[in-house]
Amino acid sequence: MVVGVEIIFKIAAIGIVVAIVAQVLKQAGKDEIATLTTLAGLIIVLLIVLDLISELFSSVQNLFYLF
């Protein structure tokens, strides 16, 4: 499990894209869709982080031979 800088860049890129899309939608008067877009971006980032946490627990389990 090697987590490099690329995962940080991926999360940052998702945040930037979601922020830009949300601002464009708010300017167009589509506030509800902008909120849903922000929520979708948050869920995507949380899934990425959840996967990393799962890998962390697996590596700790393998380290201490827990079954």
PDB file of N, CA and C in Angstrom:
ATOM      1  N   MET A   1       0.847  -1.180   0.000  1.00  0.00           N
ATOM      2  CA  MET A   1       0.000   0.000   0.000  1.00  0.00           C
ATOM      3  C   MET A   1       0.889   1.238   0.000  1.00  0.00           C
ATOM      4  N   VAL A   2       1.017   1.847  -1.122  1.00  0.00           N
ATOM      5  CA  VAL A   2       1.808   3.060  -1.240  1.00  0.00           C
ATOM      6  C   VAL A   2       0.885   4.186  -1.658  1.00  0.00           C
ATOM      7  N   VAL A   3       0.691   5.116  -0.746  1.00  0.00           N
ATOM      8  CA  VAL A   3      -0.155   6.263  -1.044  1.00  0.00           C
ATOM      9  C   VAL A   3       0.766   7.446  -1.280  1.00  0.00           C
ATOM     10  N   GLY A   4       0.769   7.903  -2.506  1.00  0.00           N
ATOM     11  CA  GLY A   4       1.641   9.009  -2.850  1.00  0.00           C
ATOM     12  C   GLY A   4       0.887  10.317  -2.920  1.00  0.00           C
ATOM     13  N   VAL A   5       1.546  11.245  -3.501  1.00  0.00           N
ATOM     14  CA  VAL A   5       0.981  12.577  -3.633  1.00  0.00           C
ATOM     15  C   VAL A   5      -0.167  12.589  -4.642  1.00  0.00           C
ATOM     16  N   GLU A   6      -0.206  11.589  -5.530  1.00  0.00           N
ATOM     17  CA  GLU A   6      -1.233  11.596  -6.576  1.00  0.00           C
ATOM     18  C   GLU A   6      -2.645  11.508  -6.014  1.00  0.00           C
ATOM     19  N   ILE A   7      -2.826  10.841  -4.861  1.00  0.00           N
ATOM     20  CA  ILE A   7      -4.167  10.762  -4.277  1.00  0.00           C
ATOM     21  C   ILE A   7      -4.597  12.125  -3.742  1.00  0.00           C
ATOM     22  N   ILE A   8      -3.650  12.875  -3.215  1.00  0.00           N
ATOM     23  CA  ILE A   8      -3.957  14.227  -2.747  1.00  0.00           C
ATOM     24  C   ILE A   8      -4.323  15.115  -3.929  1.00  0.00           C
ATOM     25  N   PHE A   9      -3.577  14.983  -5.027  1.00  0.00           N
ATOM     26  CA  PHE A   9      -3.888  15.760  -6.220  1.00  0.00           C
ATOM     27  C   PHE A   9      -5.239  15.364  -6.807  1.00  0.00           C
ATOM     28  N   LYS A  10      -5.571  14.085  -6.735  1.00  0.00           N
ATOM     29  CA  LYS A  10      -6.857  13.629  -7.256  1.00  0.00           C
ATOM     30  C   LYS A  10      -8.011  14.235  -6.455  1.00  0.00           C
ATOM     31  N   ILE A  11      -7.885  14.220  -5.131  1.00  0.00           N
ATOM     32  CA  ILE A  11      -8.930  14.792  -4.285  1.00  0.00           C
ATOM     33  C   ILE A  11      -9.023  16.297  -4.494  1.00  0.00           C
ATOM     34  N   ALA A  12      -7.888  16.950  -4.627  1.00  0.00           N
ATOM     35  CA  ALA A  12      -7.888  18.395  -4.863  1.00  0.00           C
ATOM     36  C   ALA A  12      -8.509  18.728  -6.214  1.00  0.00           C
ATOM     37  N   ALA A  13      -8.216  17.929  -7.221  1.00  0.00           N
ATOM     38  CA  ALA A  13      -8.790  18.174  -8.547  1.00  0.00           C
ATOM     39  C   ALA A  13     -10.298  17.996  -8.528  1.00  0.00           C
ATOM     40  N   ILE A  14     -10.775  16.989  -7.827  1.00  0.00           N
ATOM     41  CA  ILE A  14     -12.221  16.796  -7.711  1.00  0.00           C
ATOM     42  C   ILE A  14     -12.851  18.001  -7.019  1.00  0.00           C
ATOM     43  N   GLY A  15     -12.213  18.488  -5.970  1.00  0.00           N
ATOM     44  CA  GLY A  15     -12.727  19.663  -5.254  1.00  0.00           C
ATOM     45  C   GLY A  15     -12.771  20.898  -6.123  1.00  0.00           C
ATOM     46  N   ILE A  16     -11.736  21.123  -6.915  1.00  0.00           N
ATOM     47  CA  ILE A  16     -11.695  22.301  -7.786  1.00  0.00           C
ATOM     48  C   ILE A  16     -12.765  22.216  -8.867  1.00  0.00           C
ATOM     49  N   VAL A  17     -12.887  21.043  -9.491  1.00  0.00           N
ATOM     50  CA  VAL A  17     -13.890  20.876 -10.549  1.00  0.00           C
ATOM     51  C   VAL A  17     -15.297  21.051  -9.990  1.00  0.00           C
ATOM     52  N   VAL A  18     -15.560  20.459  -8.833  1.00  0.00           N
ATOM     53  CA  VAL A  18     -16.888  20.576  -8.231  1.00  0.00           C
ATOM     54  C   VAL A  18     -17.173  22.028  -7.856  1.00  0.00           C
ATOM     55  N   ALA A  19     -16.187  22.726  -7.334  1.00  0.00           N
ATOM     56  CA  ALA A  19     -16.397  24.131  -6.958  1.00  0.00           C
ATOM     57  C   ALA A  19     -16.701  24.999  -8.178  1.00  0.00           C
ATOM     58  N   ILE A  20     -15.988  24.773  -9.268  1.00  0.00           N
ATOM     59  CA  ILE A  20     -16.225  25.550 -10.487  1.00  0.00           C
ATOM     60  C   ILE A  20     -17.605  25.259 -11.057  1.00  0.00           C
ATOM     61  N   VAL A  21     -17.959  23.970 -11.127  1.00  0.00           N
ATOM     62  CA  VAL A  21     -19.273  23.600 -11.664  1.00  0.00           C
ATOM     63  C   VAL A  21     -20.385  24.166 -10.788  1.00  0.00           C
ATOM     64  N   ALA A  22     -20.209  24.105  -9.476  1.00  0.00           N
ATOM     65  CA  ALA A  22     -21.230  24.633  -8.566  1.00  0.00           C
ATOM     66  C   ALA A  22     -21.390  26.134  -8.730  1.00  0.00           C
ATOM     67  N   GLN A  23     -20.296  26.846  -8.894  1.00  0.00           N
ATOM     68  CA  GLN A  23     -20.388  28.295  -9.075  1.00  0.00           C
ATOM     69  C   GLN A  23     -21.076  28.657 -10.393  1.00  0.00           C
ATOM     70  N   VAL A  24     -20.748  27.929 -11.448  1.00  0.00           N
ATOM     71  CA  VAL A  24     -21.393  28.185 -12.746  1.00  0.00           C
ATOM     72  C   VAL A  24     -22.884  27.910 -12.656  1.00  0.00           C
ATOM     73  N   LEU A  25     -23.253  26.822 -11.992  1.00  0.00           N
ATOM     74  CA  LEU A  25     -24.667  26.504 -11.864  1.00  0.00           C
ATOM     75  C   LEU A  25     -25.401  27.523 -10.993  1.00  0.00           C
ATOM     76  N   LYS A  26     -24.760  28.017  -9.945  1.00  0.00           N
ATOM     77  CA  LYS A  26     -25.394  29.038  -9.105  1.00  0.00           C
ATOM     78  C   LYS A  26     -25.591  30.331  -9.882  1.00  0.00           C
ATOM     79  N   GLN A  27     -24.614  30.682 -10.712  1.00  0.00           N
ATOM     80  CA  GLN A  27     -24.751  31.895 -11.521  1.00  0.00           C
ATOM     81  C   GLN A  27     -25.868  31.759 -12.543  1.00  0.00           C
ATOM     82  N   ALA A  28     -26.123  30.533 -12.977  1.00  0.00           N
ATOM     83  CA  ALA A  28     -27.185  30.280 -13.948  1.00  0.00           C
ATOM     84  C   ALA A  28     -28.550  30.141 -13.270  1.00  0.00           C
ATOM     85  N   GLY A  29     -28.581  30.236 -11.953  1.00  0.00           N
ATOM     86  CA  GLY A  29     -29.839  30.145 -11.243  1.00  0.00           C
ATOM     87  C   GLY A  29     -30.283  28.727 -10.940  1.00  0.00           C
ATOM     88  N   LYS A  30     -29.390  27.782 -11.054  1.00  0.00           N
ATOM     89  CA  LYS A  30     -29.708  26.374 -10.788  1.00  0.00           C
ATOM     90  C   LYS A  30     -29.140  25.977  -9.421  1.00  0.00           C
ATOM     91  N   ASP A  31     -29.652  26.592  -8.371  1.00  0.00           N
ATOM     92  CA  ASP A  31     -29.108  26.369  -7.039  1.00  0.00           C
ATOM     93  C   ASP A  31     -29.280  24.926  -6.566  1.00  0.00           C
ATOM     94  N   GLU A  32     -30.408  24.311  -6.886  1.00  0.00           N
ATOM     95  CA  GLU A  32     -30.644  22.943  -6.434  1.00  0.00           C
ATOM     96  C   GLU A  32     -29.659  21.969  -7.075  1.00  0.00           C
ATOM     97  N   ILE A  33     -29.419  22.150  -8.363  1.00  0.00           N
ATOM     98  CA  ILE A  33     -28.477  21.276  -9.063  1.00  0.00           C
ATOM     99  C   ILE A  33     -27.058  21.525  -8.576  1.00  0.00           C
ATOM    100  N   ALA A  34     -26.732  22.785  -8.245  1.00  0.00           N
ATOM    101  CA  ALA A  34     -25.409  23.099  -7.703  1.00  0.00           C
ATOM    102  C   ALA A  34     -25.199  22.405  -6.362  1.00  0.00           C
ATOM    103  N   THR A  35     -26.233  22.374  -5.546  1.00  0.00           N
ATOM    104  CA  THR A  35     -26.132  21.679  -4.258  1.00  0.00           C
ATOM    105  C   THR A  35     -25.956  20.180  -4.461  1.00  0.00           C
ATOM    106  N   LEU A  36     -26.691  19.609  -5.404  1.00  0.00           N
ATOM    107  CA  LEU A  36     -26.545  18.179  -5.691  1.00  0.00           C
ATOM    108  C   LEU A  36     -25.163  17.856  -6.254  1.00  0.00           C
ATOM    109  N   THR A  37     -24.626  18.757  -7.054  1.00  0.00           N
ATOM    110  CA  THR A  37     -23.274  18.560  -7.594  1.00  0.00           C
ATOM    111  C   THR A  37     -22.243  18.573  -6.471  1.00  0.00           C
ATOM    112  N   THR A  38     -22.389  19.509  -5.555  1.00  0.00           N
ATOM    113  CA  THR A  38     -21.480  19.570  -4.412  1.00  0.00           C
ATOM    114  C   THR A  38     -21.592  18.316  -3.566  1.00  0.00           C
ATOM    115  N   LEU A  39     -22.799  17.863  -3.351  1.00  0.00           N
ATOM    116  CA  LEU A  39     -23.011  16.643  -2.573  1.00  0.00           C
ATOM    117  C   LEU A  39     -22.413  15.421  -3.274  1.00  0.00           C
ATOM    118  N   ALA A  40     -22.549  15.348  -4.588  1.00  0.00           N
ATOM    119  CA  ALA A  40     -21.968  14.234  -5.346  1.00  0.00           C
ATOM    120  C   ALA A  40     -20.440  14.251  -5.250  1.00  0.00           C
ATOM    121  N   GLY A  41     -19.838  15.422  -5.332  1.00  0.00           N
ATOM    122  CA  GLY A  41     -18.384  15.524  -5.186  1.00  0.00           C
ATOM    123  C   GLY A  41     -17.927  15.093  -3.810  1.00  0.00           C
ATOM    124  N   LEU A  42     -18.684  15.468  -2.790  1.00  0.00           N
ATOM    125  CA  LEU A  42     -18.351  15.066  -1.431  1.00  0.00           C
ATOM    126  C   LEU A  42     -18.428  13.549  -1.276  1.00  0.00           C
ATOM    127  N   ILE A  43     -19.454  12.942  -1.850  1.00  0.00           N
ATOM    128  CA  ILE A  43     -19.607  11.489  -1.760  1.00  0.00           C
ATOM    129  C   ILE A  43     -18.466  10.775  -2.482  1.00  0.00           C
ATOM    130  N   ILE A  44     -18.058  11.290  -3.631  1.00  0.00           N
ATOM    131  CA  ILE A  44     -16.947  10.673  -4.369  1.00  0.00           C
ATOM    132  C   ILE A  44     -15.664  10.726  -3.547  1.00  0.00           C
ATOM    133  N   VAL A  45     -15.385  11.877  -2.941  1.00  0.00           N
ATOM    134  CA  VAL A  45     -14.171  12.012  -2.128  1.00  0.00           C
ATOM    135  C   VAL A  45     -14.257  11.113  -0.897  1.00  0.00           C
ATOM    136  N   LEU A  46     -15.420  11.025  -0.284  1.00  0.00           N
ATOM    137  CA  LEU A  46     -15.563  10.154   0.880  1.00  0.00           C
ATOM    138  C   LEU A  46     -15.361   8.686   0.515  1.00  0.00           C
ATOM    139  N   LEU A  47     -15.797   8.285  -0.669  1.00  0.00           N
ATOM    140  CA  LEU A  47     -15.567   6.907  -1.102  1.00  0.00           C
ATOM    141  C   LEU A  47     -14.081   6.629  -1.320  1.00  0.00           C
ATOM    142  N   ILE A  48     -13.368   7.611  -1.864  1.00  0.00           N
ATOM    143  CA  ILE A  48     -11.923   7.451  -2.045  1.00  0.00           C
ATOM    144  C   ILE A  48     -11.237   7.307  -0.689  1.00  0.00           C
ATOM    145  N   VAL A  49     -11.616   8.164   0.267  1.00  0.00           N
ATOM    146  CA  VAL A  49     -11.019   8.114   1.601  1.00  0.00           C
ATOM    147  C   VAL A  49     -11.401   6.814   2.304  1.00  0.00           C
ATOM    148  N   LEU A  50     -12.633   6.372   2.127  1.00  0.00           N
ATOM    149  CA  LEU A  50     -13.066   5.114   2.738  1.00  0.00           C
ATOM    150  C   LEU A  50     -12.250   3.934   2.217  1.00  0.00           C
ATOM    151  N   ASP A  51     -11.945   3.938   0.929  1.00  0.00           N
ATOM    152  CA  ASP A  51     -11.104   2.893   0.354  1.00  0.00           C
ATOM    153  C   ASP A  51      -9.699   2.927   0.962  1.00  0.00           C
ATOM    154  N   LEU A  52      -9.161   4.115   1.164  1.00  0.00           N
ATOM    155  CA  LEU A  52      -7.832   4.226   1.774  1.00  0.00           C
ATOM    156  C   LEU A  52      -7.845   3.739   3.219  1.00  0.00           C
ATOM    157  N   ILE A  53      -8.901   4.051   3.956  1.00  0.00           N
ATOM    158  CA  ILE A  53      -9.003   3.598   5.340  1.00  0.00           C
ATOM    159  C   ILE A  53      -9.127   2.082   5.387  1.00  0.00           C
ATOM    160  N   SER A  54      -9.861   1.510   4.452  1.00  0.00           N
ATOM    161  CA  SER A  54      -9.990   0.056   4.375  1.00  0.00           C
ATOM    162  C   SER A  54      -8.635  -0.590   4.123  1.00  0.00           C
ATOM    163  N   GLU A  55      -7.855  -0.023   3.215  1.00  0.00           N
ATOM    164  CA  GLU A  55      -6.506  -0.539   2.960  1.00  0.00           C
ATOM    165  C   GLU A  55      -5.622  -0.413   4.194  1.00  0.00           C
ATOM    166  N   LEU A  56      -5.783   0.688   4.944  1.00  0.00           N
ATOM    167  CA  LEU A  56      -5.003   0.880   6.163  1.00  0.00           C
ATOM    168  C   LEU A  56      -5.326  -0.200   7.187  1.00  0.00           C
ATOM    169  N   PHE A  57      -6.608  -0.465   7.406  1.00  0.00           N
ATOM    170  CA  PHE A  57      -6.991  -1.498   8.370  1.00  0.00           C
ATOM    171  C   PHE A  57      -6.507  -2.879   7.930  1.00  0.00           C
ATOM    172  N   SER A  58      -6.543  -3.150   6.651  1.00  0.00           N
ATOM    173  CA  SER A  58      -6.047  -4.437   6.153  1.00  0.00           C
ATOM    174  C   SER A  58      -4.553  -4.585   6.395  1.00  0.00           C
ATOM    175  N   SER A  59      -3.807  -3.528   6.173  1.00  0.00           N
ATOM    176  CA  SER A  59      -2.364  -3.611   6.397  1.00  0.00           C
ATOM    177  C   SER A  59      -2.031  -3.730   7.880  1.00  0.00           C
ATOM    178  N   VAL A  60      -2.804  -3.056   8.745  1.00  0.00           N
ATOM    179  CA  VAL A  60      -2.578  -3.195  10.187  1.00  0.00           C
ATOM    180  C   VAL A  60      -2.930  -4.613  10.628  1.00  0.00           C
ATOM    181  N   GLN A  61      -4.002  -5.158  10.076  1.00  0.00           N
ATOM    182  CA  GLN A  61      -4.392  -6.524  10.404  1.00  0.00           C
ATOM    183  C   GLN A  61      -3.309  -7.518   9.975  1.00  0.00           C
ATOM    184  N   ASN A  62      -2.764  -7.332   8.801  1.00  0.00           N
ATOM    185  CA  ASN A  62      -1.694  -8.218   8.335  1.00  0.00           C
ATOM    186  C   ASN A  62      -0.412  -8.027   9.153  1.00  0.00           C
ATOM    187  N   LEU A  63      -0.188  -6.818   9.612  1.00  0.00           N
ATOM    188  CA  LEU A  63       1.011  -6.549  10.395  1.00  0.00           C
ATOM    189  C   LEU A  63       0.987  -7.292  11.721  1.00  0.00           C
ATOM    190  N   PHE A  64      -0.156  -7.323  12.375  1.00  0.00           N
ATOM    191  CA  PHE A  64      -0.260  -7.957  13.693  1.00  0.00           C
ATOM    192  C   PHE A  64      -0.854  -9.356  13.634  1.00  0.00           C
ATOM    193  N   TYR A  65      -1.096  -9.885  12.427  1.00  0.00           N
ATOM    194  CA  TYR A  65      -1.645 -11.230  12.236  1.00  0.00           C
ATOM    195  C   TYR A  65      -2.968 -11.430  12.958  1.00  0.00           C
ATOM    196  N   LEU A  66      -3.836 -10.438  12.883  1.00  0.00           N
ATOM    197  CA  LEU A  66      -5.148 -10.557  13.501  1.00  0.00           C
ATOM    198  C   LEU A  66      -6.103 -11.240  12.544  1.00  0.00           C
ATOM    199  N   PHE A  67      -6.921 -12.124  13.071  1.00  0.00           N
ATOM    200  CA  PHE A  67      -7.886 -12.817  12.228  1.00  0.00           C
ATOM    201  C   PHE A  67      -9.278 -12.601  12.745  1.00  0.00           C
TER     202      PHE A  67
END
